[in-house]
Amino acid sequence: MNPAWSVVLLTTLIGAGQGLYLALFAAQAPAPLMRIGIVLSLALLAAGLAASFFHLGRPERAWRSAAKWRTSWLSREVIALPLFMALAAAYGWTQDPAVGWAGVAACLALFVCTGMIYACLPFLQEWRTPLTVVNFILLGCASGLTLAAALAAWLHPELARASAIAALVVGALAYLGRLASLARNARLRPKSTLATAIGVKHPKITQIAQGAMGGSFNTREFFHGRPREVVRAARWTCLALVFPVPALLLLAGQPLVAFLAQYVGLLAERWYFFAEAKHPQNLYYQAIA
């Protein structure tokens, strides 16, 4: 698939915002830290929402994306995101535990909706696994906890150590979850063949042309078009920066630098997540004479 940077930014930014909210709520942070943290969480969510508009062909019709909530995980995400933002803002203002728990429920629902947008697609084997949803949740929580550790070190040092330990534990779980998905995807074999792609039952088919003189929607949207070296570099950047480097920085007492490094790793991870998925149509359109 062709990674859209608007979606890469959307999913990583709102994931960090969700994780930060959960970290602050779980720690029952003092009011000054809580309010500043909630403002930062809302800023990340708003930035992700703004990035998503660049993925729309007709942004003025964005409101229609919520119309199919009965069947569409995307529509459910469109509803869950502003609902969570409203509850997070209300909790930051009131500090009411009932509102806080409602925000937790909306936050988890948003994680599930975002992950299921991809996990529900049967023709993309790399995404069709519960690990997709699990990794969205764990990676978002890991980045949010790392950011919470940085905020605590600045505003409430008494919580800094506990926040850093939590970030290390959840970061390790997120890393193991992503390694598991990479190992699973490496064992996948395509269910389609060139014969099924063109509907011709013949034991030996050789493609000598793409079927078009130039590029098209199919060649642009369903394949990233980058050299193998770029894809490999994204994978190794993800493997280095999602957890190992941030863990060392947390242990060294540099939580803010750890978060910045980890976020770069998450950008690489999410780009690779999209680039790794092999759309069946590429059996036909990706081959060029």
Protein backbone atom coordinates (compact mmCIF):
# COMPACT_ATOMS: atom_id res chain seq x y z
CA MET A 1 0.00 0.00 0.00
CA ASN A 2 1.02 3.61 -0.46
CA PRO A 3 1.47 5.27 2.97
CA ALA A 4 -0.35 8.61 3.16
CA TRP A 5 1.50 10.94 5.51
CA SER A 6 -1.79 12.49 6.61
CA VAL A 7 -2.90 9.09 7.96
CA VAL A 8 0.56 8.34 9.38
CA LEU A 9 0.43 11.61 11.33
CA LEU A 10 -3.21 11.10 12.32
CA THR A 11 -2.69 7.67 13.85
CA THR A 12 0.58 8.46 15.63
CA LEU A 13 -0.50 11.84 17.01
CA ILE A 14 -3.87 10.73 18.33
CA GLY A 15 -2.27 7.56 19.70
CA ALA A 16 0.19 9.62 21.73
CA GLY A 17 -2.63 11.89 22.92
CA GLN A 18 -4.73 8.90 23.97
CA GLY A 19 -1.80 7.29 25.74
CA LEU A 20 -1.01 10.50 27.59
CA TYR A 21 -4.59 10.79 28.83
CA LEU A 22 -4.60 7.18 30.06
CA ALA A 23 -1.24 7.68 31.78
CA LEU A 24 -2.41 10.81 33.61
CA PHE A 25 -5.70 9.23 34.64
CA ALA A 26 -4.04 6.03 35.87
CA ALA A 27 -1.50 8.00 37.91
CA GLN A 28 -4.18 10.31 39.33
CA ALA A 29 -1.77 13.15 38.68
CA PRO A 30 -2.08 16.34 40.75
CA ALA A 31 -4.28 19.08 39.32
CA PRO A 32 -1.54 21.30 37.74
CA LEU A 33 0.10 18.33 35.99
CA MET A 34 -3.27 16.91 35.01
CA ARG A 35 -4.53 20.12 33.43
CA ILE A 36 -1.35 20.80 31.47
CA GLY A 37 -1.22 17.15 30.40
CA ILE A 38 -4.84 17.22 29.24
CA VAL A 39 -4.18 20.39 27.23
CA LEU A 40 -1.19 18.69 25.59
CA SER A 41 -3.24 15.55 24.93
CA LEU A 42 -5.97 17.63 23.28
CA ALA A 43 -3.35 19.47 21.21
CA LEU A 44 -1.99 16.15 19.90
CA LEU A 45 -5.50 14.93 19.11
CA ALA A 46 -6.37 18.19 17.35
CA ALA A 47 -3.14 18.06 15.34
CA GLY A 48 -3.94 14.51 14.26
CA LEU A 49 -7.47 15.52 13.31
CA ALA A 50 -6.13 18.45 11.29
CA ALA A 51 -3.68 16.16 9.49
CA SER A 52 -6.53 13.84 8.50
CA PHE A 53 -8.21 16.59 6.49
CA PHE A 54 -5.34 16.50 3.99
CA HIS A 55 -6.42 12.94 3.17
CA LEU A 56 -9.88 14.06 2.06
CA GLY A 57 -10.68 14.82 -1.54
CA ARG A 58 -13.59 17.04 -0.49
CA PRO A 59 -12.90 18.31 3.07
CA GLU A 60 -16.16 20.26 3.14
CA ARG A 61 -18.00 16.94 3.10
CA ALA A 62 -16.05 15.48 6.02
CA TRP A 63 -19.18 15.42 8.19
CA ARG A 64 -20.64 12.74 5.94
CA SER A 65 -17.94 10.29 7.02
CA ALA A 66 -19.92 9.59 10.22
CA ALA A 67 -23.08 8.56 8.37
CA LYS A 68 -22.25 4.82 8.07
CA TRP A 69 -21.54 4.17 11.74
CA ARG A 70 -23.60 0.96 11.73
CA THR A 71 -21.19 -0.80 9.37
CA SER A 72 -18.05 1.31 9.03
CA TRP A 73 -15.18 1.39 11.51
CA LEU A 74 -14.04 4.66 9.93
CA SER A 75 -17.40 6.26 10.72
CA ARG A 76 -17.15 4.97 14.29
CA GLU A 77 -13.67 6.48 14.59
CA VAL A 78 -15.01 9.81 13.32
CA ILE A 79 -17.59 9.73 16.12
CA ALA A 80 -15.28 8.39 18.85
CA LEU A 81 -12.51 10.96 18.31
CA PRO A 82 -14.47 14.17 19.06
CA LEU A 83 -16.37 12.36 21.83
CA PHE A 84 -13.11 11.42 23.51
CA MET A 85 -11.76 14.96 23.09
CA ALA A 86 -14.90 16.39 24.71
CA LEU A 87 -14.70 13.97 27.65
CA ALA A 88 -10.97 14.56 28.10
CA ALA A 89 -11.53 18.32 28.17
CA ALA A 90 -14.41 17.91 30.64
CA TYR A 91 -12.28 15.74 32.92
CA GLY A 92 -9.40 18.20 32.81
CA TRP A 93 -11.80 20.94 33.86
CA THR A 94 -13.88 19.12 36.48
CA GLN A 95 -11.55 16.35 37.74
CA ASP A 96 -14.73 14.28 38.17
CA PRO A 97 -13.83 10.55 38.35
CA ALA A 98 -17.05 9.54 36.55
CA VAL A 99 -16.16 11.82 33.65
CA GLY A 100 -12.61 10.46 33.73
CA TRP A 101 -13.80 6.85 33.44
CA ALA A 102 -16.10 7.83 30.58
CA GLY A 103 -13.06 9.34 28.90
CA VAL A 104 -11.14 6.07 29.40
CA ALA A 105 -13.98 4.13 27.76
CA ALA A 106 -14.08 6.56 24.82
CA CYS A 107 -10.30 6.42 24.53
CA LEU A 108 -10.25 2.62 24.33
CA ALA A 109 -13.15 2.66 21.86
CA LEU A 110 -11.18 5.07 19.69
CA PHE A 111 -8.14 2.77 19.78
CA VAL A 112 -10.29 -0.18 18.72
CA CYS A 113 -12.02 1.77 15.94
CA THR A 114 -8.72 3.02 14.51
CA GLY A 115 -7.15 -0.42 14.57
CA MET A 116 -10.22 -2.17 13.14
CA ILE A 117 -10.25 0.12 10.11
CA TYR A 118 -7.27 -1.96 8.96
CA ALA A 119 -7.81 -5.26 10.78
CA CYS A 120 -11.25 -5.74 9.20
CA LEU A 121 -9.90 -5.93 5.63
CA PRO A 122 -9.75 -9.62 4.63
CA PHE A 123 -7.78 -9.07 1.41
CA LEU A 124 -4.81 -7.47 3.21
CA GLN A 125 -3.34 -10.38 5.14
CA GLU A 126 -0.72 -8.26 6.90
CA TRP A 127 -3.46 -6.28 8.66
CA ARG A 128 -6.06 -9.01 9.13
CA THR A 129 -5.00 -10.01 12.66
CA PRO A 130 -5.88 -9.05 16.26
CA LEU A 131 -2.25 -7.92 16.57
CA THR A 132 -3.14 -4.84 14.53
CA VAL A 133 -5.52 -3.55 17.19
CA VAL A 134 -3.23 -4.67 20.04
CA ASN A 135 -0.27 -2.85 18.51
CA PHE A 136 -2.23 0.36 17.97
CA ILE A 137 -3.20 0.31 21.65
CA LEU A 138 0.22 -0.63 23.06
CA LEU A 139 2.24 1.71 20.84
CA GLY A 140 -0.08 4.62 21.62
CA CYS A 141 0.09 3.91 25.36
CA ALA A 142 3.89 3.56 25.23
CA SER A 143 4.35 6.95 23.57
CA GLY A 144 1.84 8.57 25.91
CA LEU A 145 3.59 7.16 28.98
CA THR A 146 6.96 8.39 27.75
CA LEU A 147 5.50 11.86 27.27
CA ALA A 148 3.88 11.65 30.72
CA ALA A 149 7.31 10.83 32.19
CA ALA A 150 8.73 13.95 30.52
CA LEU A 151 5.89 16.10 31.91
CA ALA A 152 6.30 14.62 35.38
CA ALA A 153 10.05 15.30 35.35
CA TRP A 154 9.26 18.94 34.61
CA LEU A 155 6.19 19.58 36.76
CA HIS A 156 6.05 16.87 39.43
CA PRO A 157 9.39 15.04 39.91
CA GLU A 158 7.88 12.72 42.51
CA LEU A 159 6.00 10.92 39.72
CA ALA A 160 8.88 10.89 37.25
CA ARG A 161 10.39 7.56 38.31
CA ALA A 162 7.07 5.68 38.37
CA SER A 163 6.11 7.14 34.99
CA ALA A 164 9.45 6.14 33.47
CA ILE A 165 9.11 2.57 34.79
CA ALA A 166 5.58 2.32 33.38
CA ALA A 167 6.82 3.66 30.03
CA LEU A 168 9.58 1.01 29.99
CA VAL A 169 7.18 -1.84 30.80
CA VAL A 170 4.49 -0.85 28.29
CA GLY A 171 7.16 0.06 25.71
CA ALA A 172 8.65 -3.43 26.02
CA LEU A 173 5.20 -5.01 25.58
CA ALA A 174 4.53 -2.82 22.53
CA TYR A 175 7.89 -3.78 21.06
CA LEU A 176 7.21 -7.49 21.56
CA GLY A 177 3.77 -7.09 19.99
CA ARG A 178 5.24 -5.40 16.93
CA LEU A 179 7.96 -8.05 16.64
CA ALA A 180 5.24 -10.70 16.76
CA SER A 181 3.34 -9.05 13.92
CA LEU A 182 6.53 -8.74 11.85
CA ALA A 183 7.30 -12.42 12.40
CA ARG A 184 3.74 -13.38 11.46
CA ASN A 185 3.75 -11.30 8.30
CA ALA A 186 7.09 -12.72 7.20
CA ARG A 187 5.45 -16.17 7.06
CA LEU A 188 2.47 -15.08 4.96
CA ARG A 189 2.01 -16.37 1.44
CA PRO A 190 -0.26 -14.67 -1.14
CA LYS A 191 -3.68 -16.26 -1.51
CA SER A 192 -4.01 -14.84 -5.03
CA THR A 193 -1.90 -15.61 -8.07
CA LEU A 194 -1.47 -13.97 -11.45
CA ALA A 195 -3.98 -16.48 -12.80
CA THR A 196 -6.68 -15.50 -10.29
CA ALA A 197 -5.83 -11.82 -10.72
CA ILE A 198 -6.80 -11.86 -14.40
CA GLY A 199 -9.31 -14.72 -14.22
CA VAL A 200 -7.47 -17.09 -16.56
CA LYS A 201 -7.05 -20.70 -15.45
CA HIS A 202 -3.72 -21.73 -16.88
CA PRO A 203 -0.79 -23.41 -15.10
CA LYS A 204 1.81 -21.04 -16.53
CA ILE A 205 1.20 -17.35 -17.15
CA THR A 206 3.93 -14.78 -17.88
CA GLN A 207 3.17 -11.07 -17.67
CA ILE A 208 5.06 -8.91 -20.14
CA ALA A 209 3.18 -5.60 -19.79
CA GLN A 210 1.32 -3.66 -17.15
CA GLY A 211 -1.69 -3.01 -19.32
CA ALA A 212 -1.30 0.77 -19.37
CA MET A 213 1.14 3.22 -20.95
CA GLY A 214 1.38 5.43 -17.86
CA GLY A 215 0.47 5.64 -14.20
CA SER A 216 -3.05 5.40 -12.85
CA PHE A 217 -4.96 5.46 -9.56
CA ASN A 218 -4.17 1.76 -9.13
CA THR A 219 -0.44 2.23 -9.55
CA ARG A 220 -0.30 5.25 -7.25
CA GLU A 221 -2.60 4.35 -4.35
CA PHE A 222 -1.92 0.67 -3.77
CA PHE A 223 1.86 0.56 -3.99
CA HIS A 224 4.41 2.82 -2.32
CA GLY A 225 6.83 2.84 -5.28
CA ARG A 226 9.90 3.18 -3.05
CA PRO A 227 13.10 1.14 -3.48
CA ARG A 228 13.69 -1.81 -1.20
CA GLU A 229 16.43 0.14 0.55
CA VAL A 230 13.92 2.77 1.70
CA VAL A 231 11.51 0.15 3.02
CA ARG A 232 14.35 -1.66 4.79
CA ALA A 233 15.57 1.61 6.33
CA ALA A 234 12.06 2.36 7.65
CA ARG A 235 11.90 -1.10 9.21
CA TRP A 236 15.25 -0.77 10.97
CA THR A 237 14.46 2.79 12.11
CA CYS A 238 11.26 1.46 13.63
CA LEU A 239 13.05 -1.43 15.34
CA ALA A 240 15.69 0.91 16.82
CA LEU A 241 13.61 3.92 17.83
CA VAL A 242 10.26 2.48 18.94
CA PHE A 243 11.80 1.01 22.11
CA PRO A 244 15.57 0.29 22.44
CA VAL A 245 16.83 3.87 22.07
CA PRO A 246 13.99 5.47 24.10
CA ALA A 247 14.53 2.87 26.84
CA LEU A 248 18.19 3.84 27.12
CA LEU A 249 17.26 7.52 27.19
CA LEU A 250 14.66 6.92 29.91
CA LEU A 251 17.22 5.06 31.99
CA ALA A 252 19.60 7.98 31.44
CA GLY A 253 17.01 10.43 32.80
CA GLN A 254 16.14 12.06 29.44
CA PRO A 255 12.40 11.41 29.04
CA LEU A 256 11.72 14.30 26.66
CA VAL A 257 14.47 13.22 24.27
CA ALA A 258 13.18 9.67 24.66
CA PHE A 259 9.71 10.75 23.56
CA LEU A 260 11.02 12.66 20.54
CA ALA A 261 13.14 9.70 19.45
CA GLN A 262 10.25 7.33 20.01
CA TYR A 263 7.88 9.47 17.98
CA VAL A 264 10.30 9.39 15.03
CA GLY A 265 10.34 5.62 15.45
CA LEU A 266 6.53 5.55 15.45
CA LEU A 267 6.44 7.54 12.21
CA ALA A 268 8.75 4.94 10.66
CA GLU A 269 6.69 2.10 12.17
CA ARG A 270 3.40 3.43 10.81
CA TRP A 271 4.91 4.15 7.38
CA TYR A 272 6.21 0.59 7.27
CA PHE A 273 2.85 -0.71 8.49
CA PHE A 274 1.23 0.66 5.33
CA ALA A 275 4.11 -0.11 2.97
CA GLU A 276 4.31 -3.73 4.15
CA ALA A 277 0.71 -4.49 3.17
CA LYS A 278 0.54 -6.12 -0.25
CA HIS A 279 -2.69 -5.37 -2.11
CA PRO A 280 -3.71 -8.28 -4.39
CA GLN A 281 -4.22 -5.90 -7.32
CA ASN A 282 -0.46 -5.36 -7.42
CA LEU A 283 -0.12 -8.83 -8.94
CA TYR A 284 -1.29 -7.15 -12.14
CA TYR A 285 -0.60 -3.42 -11.85
CA GLN A 286 2.81 -3.53 -10.23
CA ALA A 287 4.45 -5.41 -13.08
CA ILE A 288 5.84 -3.13 -15.76
CA ALA A 289 7.46 -4.31 -18.95
